[in-house]
Protein backbone atom coordinates (compact mmCIF):
# COMPACT_ATOMS: atom_id res chain seq x y z
CA MET A 1 -9.25 -10.25 -13.13
CA ASN A 2 -7.06 -8.20 -10.69
CA ASN A 3 -5.32 -5.06 -12.50
CA ASP A 4 -2.24 -3.66 -11.17
CA TRP A 5 -2.44 -0.46 -9.60
CA PHE A 6 -2.35 2.93 -11.65
CA TYR A 7 0.14 4.45 -10.15
CA ASN A 8 1.27 8.00 -11.37
CA THR A 9 3.21 10.35 -9.06
CA ASP A 10 3.45 14.16 -9.69
CA ILE A 11 5.49 16.64 -8.55
CA ARG A 12 5.41 20.80 -9.39
CA VAL A 13 8.45 22.75 -7.49
CA SER A 14 8.50 25.86 -7.60
CA LYS A 15 8.88 30.06 -5.89
CA VAL A 16 7.56 33.32 -6.25
CA VAL A 17 9.51 36.35 -6.59
CA LYS A 18 8.64 39.53 -6.61
CA ILE A 19 10.76 42.56 -7.93
CA ARG A 20 8.26 45.47 -7.79
CA GLU A 21 5.15 46.81 -6.23
CA ARG A 22 3.00 44.61 -8.64
CA LEU A 23 5.80 42.58 -10.12
CA THR A 24 5.94 38.90 -9.49
CA ILE A 25 8.30 36.92 -11.34
CA GLU A 26 7.51 32.88 -10.96
CA PRO A 27 10.01 29.84 -12.31
CA MET A 28 8.72 25.74 -12.21
CA VAL A 29 9.64 23.12 -12.38
CA GLU A 30 7.51 19.55 -13.13
CA CYS A 31 7.72 15.68 -13.82
CA PHE A 32 5.10 13.76 -14.24
CA ASN A 33 6.14 9.80 -13.33
CA LEU A 34 8.62 11.19 -11.20
CA PHE A 35 9.52 7.49 -10.51
CA ASN A 36 8.96 6.03 -13.80
CA ILE A 37 6.38 3.55 -12.94
CA ALA A 38 5.14 1.81 -16.33
CA ASN A 39 1.10 1.61 -16.28
CA TYR A 40 -0.15 -0.98 -18.51
CA ALA A 41 -3.93 -0.83 -20.32
CA ARG A 42 -6.06 -3.10 -18.36
CA LEU A 43 -5.90 -6.62 -19.69
CA ASN A 44 -9.97 -7.12 -20.94
CA THR A 45 -11.92 -9.46 -18.36
CA ILE A 46 -14.59 -11.14 -21.29
CA LEU A 47 -12.92 -14.95 -21.84
CA ASP A 48 -14.06 -14.78 -25.63
CA GLY A 49 -10.28 -16.12 -26.74
CA GLY A 50 -10.63 -12.69 -28.81
CA PRO A 51 -7.65 -10.38 -29.66
CA GLY A 52 -5.85 -9.04 -26.32
CA ASP A 53 -8.30 -11.51 -23.35
CA VAL A 54 -6.96 -13.42 -21.02
CA ASN A 55 -6.78 -16.14 -22.20
CA GLY A 56 -6.38 -14.78 -26.25
CA THR A 57 -3.83 -13.65 -28.30
CA PRO A 58 -1.82 -11.12 -27.71
CA LYS A 59 -2.81 -7.70 -29.21
CA GLY A 60 0.89 -6.36 -29.94
CA LYS A 61 3.87 -8.18 -29.62
CA GLU A 62 4.20 -5.49 -25.87
CA PRO A 63 1.52 -4.32 -23.70
CA THR A 64 -0.06 -1.44 -24.18
CA ARG A 65 0.94 1.29 -21.69
CA VAL A 66 -0.85 3.93 -21.14
CA GLY A 67 -0.56 7.46 -22.14
CA GLN A 68 1.34 7.10 -25.56
CA GLY A 69 0.29 9.95 -26.86
CA SER A 70 2.49 13.21 -27.09
CA GLY A 71 2.93 15.84 -24.49
CA SER A 72 2.46 15.57 -20.77
CA PHE A 73 -1.52 15.51 -20.58
CA SER A 74 -2.27 12.38 -20.17
CA PRO A 75 -1.33 9.83 -16.99
CA GLY A 76 0.51 7.26 -17.37
CA VAL A 77 3.14 8.82 -19.80
CA GLN A 78 7.04 8.11 -18.99
CA ARG A 79 9.31 10.04 -17.00
CA ALA A 80 8.62 13.77 -18.75
CA PHE A 81 9.88 17.48 -16.82
CA GLN A 82 8.20 20.60 -17.89
CA PHE A 83 10.28 23.68 -17.42
CA GLY A 84 8.17 27.26 -17.14
CA ILE A 85 8.07 30.75 -15.88
CA ARG A 86 5.18 33.04 -15.72
CA VAL A 87 5.61 36.91 -14.58
CA SER A 88 1.99 38.88 -12.86
CA PHE A 89 2.24 42.31 -13.54
């Protein structure tokens, strides 16, 4: 019944560089799930013996990880890095 906590630590490092009076450049590096902690989907709390229940058959060979989609817009994904630059004028 009591599943593990959901851990997600993100960090962003950036620096604003002023080129001219009205031109700034901001390079950045972002890291999602910094400590690469595996977050698994919650178990079903209804004990009816169905697939995925605590006392039932598993849904697959391994537990389902949270956020198995693509990109970095899903919390709980494996460690991912993102690089970017922002130009303001």
